[in-house]
Amino acid sequence: MEIKVITDLSVIPHKIDFNSEELKSELAPKLEFYKNLVVTEDSIKDAKSDRAKLNKLKSAFEDKRKEMKKICLAPYEKFEKECKEITSMIDEASGSIDIQVKDFEEIKKQKKYSEIENYYNSLEKPDYITLESVLNPKWANATVSIEGIKQEITANISRIADDMDEISHIYGGLPVFTAIKNKFAETLDKSTTLAYATILERDYRAEQEQKSRIQAETSPPVVSEPEKLISGTFEVSCTKSQLIRLRDFMKNNGITFKIVK
């Protein structure tokens, strides 16, 4: 289909001639006078009159310009209106096709999502892992295959499970582990969770140290009862130097003794 312009556009003037140079030559010296005019008390009345004449002359030129513009644009405006009527008809038909194409693509998209969802539901996984958290946002792209999406979902679930196992191995024995586990379930991000866990562990241990210190300061001192004195007789067989060291040991430890000759 081809658009054929029947009107002979060669007859349309490419330039609108008028006595431009004549008018400029006539106006130039007169306008030069006004450019150098100094308005005084005596000439103010004439200056206002001349200004009104100049404004009237300008209006005459503007009116003629607008008149010629309207004449020149009249055939184009009719042509433009008819073209828009035709393009509107084309848009209406194209829009109808576009709606059907989008509906068809949406049906294919929903079918693809249902297959992905069924595969996700068939997998064993923690409750905190949602389909949206392991599904590539580009899944709806026609170039992305179902099999590729399934493999990616499986890999993402496995990675998340491995991350949780690692976190559990590090912090599973702490009372704050529940909060750490909830943080991971919320973010599914190992780095974020480990940073959070480090803070919780530090605060928990500082709290335990504080409690132990307070308990030690507030607990009453343990008073031990003095041991009862008892007597015993020993007979030793040793060298003289050993006997001297034994004597010194008893003296240093407050043991009362007597030498039996």
Protein backbone atom coordinates (compact mmCIF):
# COMPACT_ATOMS: atom_id res chain seq x y z
CA MET A 1 0.00 0.00 0.00
CA GLU A 2 1.46 3.36 -1.08
CA ILE A 3 0.45 6.92 -0.23
CA LYS A 4 0.03 8.91 -3.46
CA VAL A 5 -0.05 12.72 -3.29
CA ILE A 6 -2.24 13.82 -6.24
CA THR A 7 -1.76 17.57 -5.85
CA ASP A 8 1.09 19.01 -7.89
CA LEU A 9 3.33 20.36 -5.14
CA SER A 10 5.56 22.06 -7.71
CA VAL A 11 3.04 24.92 -7.93
CA ILE A 12 3.40 25.66 -4.21
CA PRO A 13 5.64 28.70 -3.83
CA HIS A 14 8.89 27.96 -2.07
CA LYS A 15 9.22 31.61 -1.18
CA ILE A 16 6.74 34.45 -0.61
CA ASP A 17 8.20 37.60 -2.13
CA PHE A 18 7.17 41.10 -1.13
CA ASN A 19 8.76 44.55 -1.15
CA SER A 20 10.97 43.72 1.81
CA GLU A 21 14.06 45.60 0.65
CA GLU A 22 12.04 48.65 -0.34
CA LEU A 23 10.37 48.81 3.06
CA LYS A 24 13.67 48.35 4.93
CA SER A 25 15.34 51.08 2.89
CA GLU A 26 12.49 53.45 3.61
CA LEU A 27 12.26 52.62 7.31
CA ALA A 28 15.97 52.45 8.18
CA PRO A 29 16.77 56.21 8.25
CA LYS A 30 13.53 56.99 10.07
CA LEU A 31 14.14 54.34 12.69
CA GLU A 32 17.74 55.45 13.11
CA PHE A 33 16.40 58.81 14.15
CA TYR A 34 14.32 57.24 16.90
CA LYS A 35 17.20 55.07 18.12
CA ASN A 36 19.22 58.22 18.88
CA LEU A 37 16.26 60.26 20.12
CA VAL A 38 16.57 61.89 23.56
CA VAL A 39 13.17 62.46 25.11
CA THR A 40 12.73 65.77 26.97
CA GLU A 41 9.90 67.59 28.64
CA ASP A 42 9.20 69.48 25.43
CA SER A 43 9.31 66.39 23.16
CA ILE A 44 7.51 63.87 25.34
CA LYS A 45 4.17 64.38 23.59
CA ASP A 46 5.67 63.86 20.12
CA ALA A 47 7.62 60.82 21.37
CA LYS A 48 4.44 59.13 22.62
CA SER A 49 2.72 59.87 19.29
CA ASP A 50 5.64 58.43 17.32
CA ARG A 51 5.70 55.33 19.54
CA ALA A 52 2.01 54.75 18.81
CA LYS A 53 2.65 55.05 15.04
CA LEU A 54 5.52 52.57 15.23
CA ASN A 55 3.42 50.08 17.19
CA LYS A 56 0.63 50.45 14.62
CA LEU A 57 3.07 49.82 11.80
CA LYS A 58 4.39 46.72 13.57
CA SER A 59 0.82 45.43 14.03
CA ALA A 60 0.20 45.86 10.30
CA PHE A 61 3.22 43.68 9.50
CA GLU A 62 2.21 41.04 12.09
CA ASP A 63 -1.34 40.92 10.73
CA LYS A 64 -0.10 40.43 7.18
CA ARG A 65 2.33 37.71 8.35
CA LYS A 66 -0.43 35.79 10.13
CA GLU A 67 -2.71 36.16 7.10
CA MET A 68 -0.11 34.67 4.76
CA LYS A 69 0.68 31.88 7.22
CA LYS A 70 -2.98 30.90 7.39
CA ILE A 71 -3.26 30.86 3.60
CA CYS A 72 -0.12 28.74 3.21
CA LEU A 73 -1.01 26.28 5.97
CA ALA A 74 -4.65 25.78 4.94
CA PRO A 75 -3.94 22.93 2.44
CA TYR A 76 -1.44 21.28 4.80
CA GLU A 77 -3.89 21.38 7.73
CA LYS A 78 -6.52 19.63 5.59
CA PHE A 79 -3.91 17.05 4.52
CA GLU A 80 -2.82 16.54 8.14
CA LYS A 81 -6.41 16.01 9.30
CA GLU A 82 -7.06 13.36 6.65
CA CYS A 83 -3.78 11.58 7.48
CA LYS A 84 -4.68 11.47 11.18
CA GLU A 85 -8.07 9.93 10.32
CA ILE A 86 -6.29 7.12 8.44
CA THR A 87 -3.64 6.57 11.15
CA SER A 88 -6.45 6.42 13.72
CA MET A 89 -8.05 3.59 11.74
CA ILE A 90 -4.68 1.80 11.66
CA ASP A 91 -4.17 2.30 15.41
CA GLU A 92 -7.58 0.81 16.13
CA ALA A 93 -6.80 -2.36 14.18
CA SER A 94 -3.27 -2.60 15.60
CA GLY A 95 -4.63 -2.10 19.13
CA SER A 96 -7.07 -4.97 18.69
CA ILE A 97 -4.24 -7.28 17.59
CA ASP A 98 -2.05 -6.05 20.45
CA ILE A 99 -4.71 -6.97 23.03
CA GLN A 100 -5.02 -10.49 21.63
CA VAL A 101 -1.24 -10.94 21.48
CA LYS A 102 -0.89 -9.82 25.11
CA ASP A 103 -3.74 -12.12 26.20
CA PHE A 104 -2.10 -15.04 24.42
CA GLU A 105 1.30 -14.27 25.97
CA GLU A 106 -0.29 -13.94 29.42
CA ILE A 107 -1.89 -17.38 29.05
CA LYS A 108 1.52 -18.86 28.13
CA LYS A 109 3.11 -17.03 31.04
CA GLN A 110 0.55 -18.37 33.55
CA LYS A 111 0.96 -21.89 32.17
CA LYS A 112 4.73 -21.62 32.57
CA TYR A 113 4.38 -20.27 36.12
CA SER A 114 2.00 -23.11 37.07
CA GLU A 115 4.53 -25.69 35.91
CA ILE A 116 7.27 -23.93 37.89
CA GLU A 117 5.05 -23.75 40.97
CA ASN A 118 4.17 -27.45 40.77
CA TYR A 119 7.86 -28.35 40.56
CA TYR A 120 8.66 -26.07 43.54
CA ASN A 121 5.88 -27.67 45.62
CA SER A 122 7.28 -31.14 44.88
CA LEU A 123 10.63 -30.31 46.50
CA GLU A 124 11.55 -30.80 50.17
CA LYS A 125 12.52 -27.47 51.69
CA PRO A 126 12.21 -25.39 54.89
CA ASP A 127 8.97 -23.48 55.35
CA TYR A 128 10.72 -20.12 55.22
CA ILE A 129 11.86 -20.62 51.61
CA THR A 130 9.20 -19.20 49.28
CA LEU A 131 8.99 -19.67 45.53
CA GLU A 132 9.61 -15.96 44.95
CA SER A 133 12.83 -16.11 47.00
CA VAL A 134 14.39 -18.77 44.76
CA LEU A 135 12.80 -17.87 41.41
CA ASN A 136 14.80 -15.84 38.91
CA PRO A 137 12.87 -12.62 38.08
CA LYS A 138 13.61 -13.29 34.38
CA TRP A 139 11.57 -16.53 34.41
CA ALA A 140 8.84 -14.94 32.26
CA ASN A 141 11.29 -14.26 29.44
CA ALA A 142 10.44 -16.59 26.56
CA THR A 143 14.13 -17.36 26.02
CA VAL A 144 14.50 -18.81 29.54
CA SER A 145 13.68 -22.53 29.48
CA ILE A 146 11.60 -24.38 32.05
CA GLU A 147 14.40 -26.88 32.66
CA GLY A 148 16.90 -24.10 33.31
CA ILE A 149 14.50 -22.49 35.80
CA LYS A 150 13.97 -25.81 37.63
CA GLN A 151 17.72 -26.37 37.94
CA GLU A 152 18.19 -22.86 39.30
CA ILE A 153 15.40 -23.31 41.86
CA THR A 154 16.96 -26.58 43.08
CA ALA A 155 20.41 -24.99 43.31
CA ASN A 156 19.06 -21.98 45.24
CA ILE A 157 17.22 -24.17 47.76
CA SER A 158 20.35 -26.29 48.26
CA ARG A 159 22.51 -23.19 48.77
CA ILE A 160 20.10 -21.75 51.34
CA ALA A 161 19.95 -25.04 53.23
CA ASP A 162 23.77 -25.25 53.27
CA ASP A 163 23.99 -21.70 54.58
CA MET A 164 21.57 -22.50 57.39
CA ASP A 165 23.57 -25.64 58.30
CA GLU A 166 26.74 -23.56 58.52
CA ILE A 167 25.06 -20.95 60.71
CA SER A 168 23.59 -23.68 62.94
CA HIS A 169 26.99 -25.31 63.31
CA ILE A 170 28.52 -22.02 64.49
CA TYR A 171 25.77 -20.66 66.72
CA GLY A 172 23.45 -23.61 67.39
CA GLY A 173 24.53 -23.92 71.04
CA LEU A 174 23.78 -20.31 71.98
CA PRO A 175 20.51 -19.19 73.61
CA VAL A 176 20.33 -16.44 70.96
CA PHE A 177 20.29 -18.96 68.11
CA THR A 178 16.52 -18.63 67.63
CA ALA A 179 16.88 -14.94 66.86
CA ILE A 180 19.77 -15.69 64.49
CA LYS A 181 17.75 -18.38 62.74
CA ASN A 182 14.79 -16.01 62.35
CA LYS A 183 17.08 -13.39 60.86
CA PHE A 184 18.28 -15.82 58.22
CA ALA A 185 14.73 -16.95 57.49
CA GLU A 186 13.81 -13.29 56.96
CA THR A 187 16.75 -12.32 54.73
CA LEU A 188 18.05 -15.64 53.30
CA ASP A 189 21.39 -13.87 53.24
CA LYS A 190 24.30 -15.56 55.00
CA SER A 191 26.55 -12.50 55.22
CA THR A 192 23.82 -10.35 56.74
CA THR A 193 22.90 -13.08 59.22
CA LEU A 194 26.51 -13.72 60.29
CA ALA A 195 27.04 -10.02 60.91
CA TYR A 196 23.84 -9.96 62.97
CA ALA A 197 24.88 -13.12 64.86
CA THR A 198 28.27 -11.62 65.75
CA ILE A 199 26.55 -8.68 67.42
CA LEU A 200 24.08 -10.91 69.30
CA GLU A 201 26.82 -13.23 70.51
CA ARG A 202 28.98 -10.33 71.68
CA ASP A 203 26.08 -8.76 73.56
CA TYR A 204 25.05 -12.10 75.07
CA ARG A 205 28.54 -12.89 76.37
CA ALA A 206 28.93 -9.35 77.74
CA GLU A 207 25.61 -9.77 79.54
CA GLN A 208 26.70 -13.10 81.04
CA GLU A 209 29.97 -11.60 82.23
CA GLN A 210 28.08 -8.71 83.79
CA LYS A 211 25.74 -11.10 85.62
CA SER A 212 28.65 -13.17 86.92
CA ARG A 213 30.44 -10.06 88.13
CA ILE A 214 27.34 -8.77 89.93
CA GLN A 215 26.75 -12.17 91.51
CA ALA A 216 30.31 -12.34 92.75
CA GLU A 217 30.08 -8.86 94.23
CA THR A 218 26.76 -9.44 95.98
CA SER A 219 27.39 -12.99 97.30
CA PRO A 220 28.42 -13.13 101.01
CA PRO A 221 32.01 -14.29 101.64
CA VAL A 222 32.37 -17.96 102.55
CA VAL A 223 33.60 -18.29 106.14
CA SER A 224 35.32 -21.60 106.73
CA GLU A 225 35.33 -23.12 110.22
CA PRO A 226 38.81 -23.63 111.74
CA GLU A 227 39.97 -27.20 111.72
CA LYS A 228 40.32 -28.94 115.09
CA LEU A 229 43.78 -29.61 116.41
CA ILE A 230 44.81 -33.24 116.65
CA SER A 231 47.97 -34.92 117.88
CA GLY A 232 50.03 -37.63 116.23
CA THR A 233 53.38 -39.29 116.77
CA PHE A 234 55.68 -39.98 113.83
CA GLU A 235 58.98 -41.73 113.70
CA VAL A 236 61.02 -40.99 110.62
CA SER A 237 64.19 -42.43 109.20
CA CYS A 238 66.11 -39.89 107.08
CA THR A 239 69.37 -38.04 106.73
CA LYS A 240 70.25 -35.09 108.89
CA SER A 241 69.68 -32.62 106.09
CA GLN A 242 66.27 -34.16 105.36
CA LEU A 243 65.38 -33.96 109.01
CA ILE A 244 66.32 -30.29 109.07
CA ARG A 245 64.10 -29.62 106.01
CA LEU A 246 61.24 -31.53 107.65
CA ARG A 247 61.64 -29.39 110.77
CA ASP A 248 61.61 -26.20 108.70
CA PHE A 249 58.53 -27.33 106.79
CA MET A 250 56.59 -27.90 110.03
CA LYS A 251 57.67 -24.54 111.37
CA ASN A 252 56.66 -22.74 108.18
CA ASN A 253 53.23 -24.40 108.18
CA GLY A 254 52.49 -23.70 111.87
CA ILE A 255 52.77 -27.32 113.02
CA THR A 256 53.64 -27.69 116.69
CA PHE A 257 56.15 -30.44 117.32
CA LYS A 258 58.71 -31.55 119.89
CA ILE A 259 61.87 -33.51 119.51
CA VAL A 260 61.99 -36.79 121.43
CA LYS A 261 65.57 -37.92 122.10
